[in-house]
Amino acid sequence: MLGPRLFGTRGSVSTISLQSAPTAIAQWLGEARAVIDQELSLRLALPELPTHDPVYRLAEAMRYAVLGDGKRLRPALVLAACEACGGTRQQALPAAAAIEILHAYTLVHDDLPAMDDDDERRGRPTVHVKFDEATAILVGDALLTQSFACLAELEHGAALAVAVLAQRGGRDELLGGQMLDLGWQRAEHRPNFAEVERLHRGKTGALFAASCQLGGIAAGADIMSIERLSRYGMQIGVAFQHADDLDDGDFPEAAAEAAKRRIELANSAQENLAPLGPGAELLCSFAKWIGNA
């Protein structure tokens, strides 16, 4: 591959350290992760089957893929967005689980030999190494399916939530970003800054935007508020990836422009949420941190 990685780990796992986060942000993410991990563990409970049963092995591999180490940023944003719109964590949990389960599916498939061929993810063997390649493919398929099943449980706007996640995770956004990445790798193409941002919108921004939208939907927010959350999520997602690139030394020729753009996006994200009032203070603080990380 030419130059820094464009696909897979670089676009999915940030090296931004939570140790640099303000106390309130670190506390929020820690609390959210505990709640989300408990929810995910319940949803991915092992079936009452013999351990040698192939379906038990599939369920075991699904748990392995989802419950490993991770910051849980996307589902934490779901919870925060829901609360910003007057909802509760309990209302948001199905959507929070959906976004993290779908995110896990993308990582499992990213790591496959046909994609990045990675042997390690988050400090341990990838799913296709721990189990096998065919199982990893089925794990990704099963997680994608389960993510949409989670959304069916929402008290408000289940149909809209399904449409949002399908759009954000589909051809024109997340998967489109993956395909761009693969195409550039094969052509040994060095993207310009506008192309880099297009990649970031698909590979990172799409699920950040979906997370914020789903939180608003779970709270029963009005369309205007959900749209504000959508713009906020896309902006902080792209800013987040710029910060990650700078930290990793990726795209060094665009470093100066990326540093400036990250701050612009973070500031704009905060402005987008101003009409939501004090309830959005946590989301604004998160954007401010990303702008300065």
Foldseek 3Di string as FASTA:
>chain_A
DAADALAAPLLQAFPDDCVLAPPVLNVLLVVQVVVLLVLLCVVLPADPDPCPDPVSVLSVLLCVLQNDDDSLVLLSLLQLLLQLQVHHSVLRNLLSNLLSLLSSLRNLVCCAPVHVVDQDDNHHGRSCNVPNRVSSNVSSVVSNVVSLVSLVPHPFDSVVLSVLCCVLCDCQAQVVLSVVSVVCVVVVHDDDPVVSLSSQLRNFLSSQLSSSLSSCRSNVHDPLSSVLSSLLSSLLSSLLSLLRCLVVVGPVVCNVVSLVSSLVSLVVSLVSCVVSPPSCVSVNSVSVSSNVD
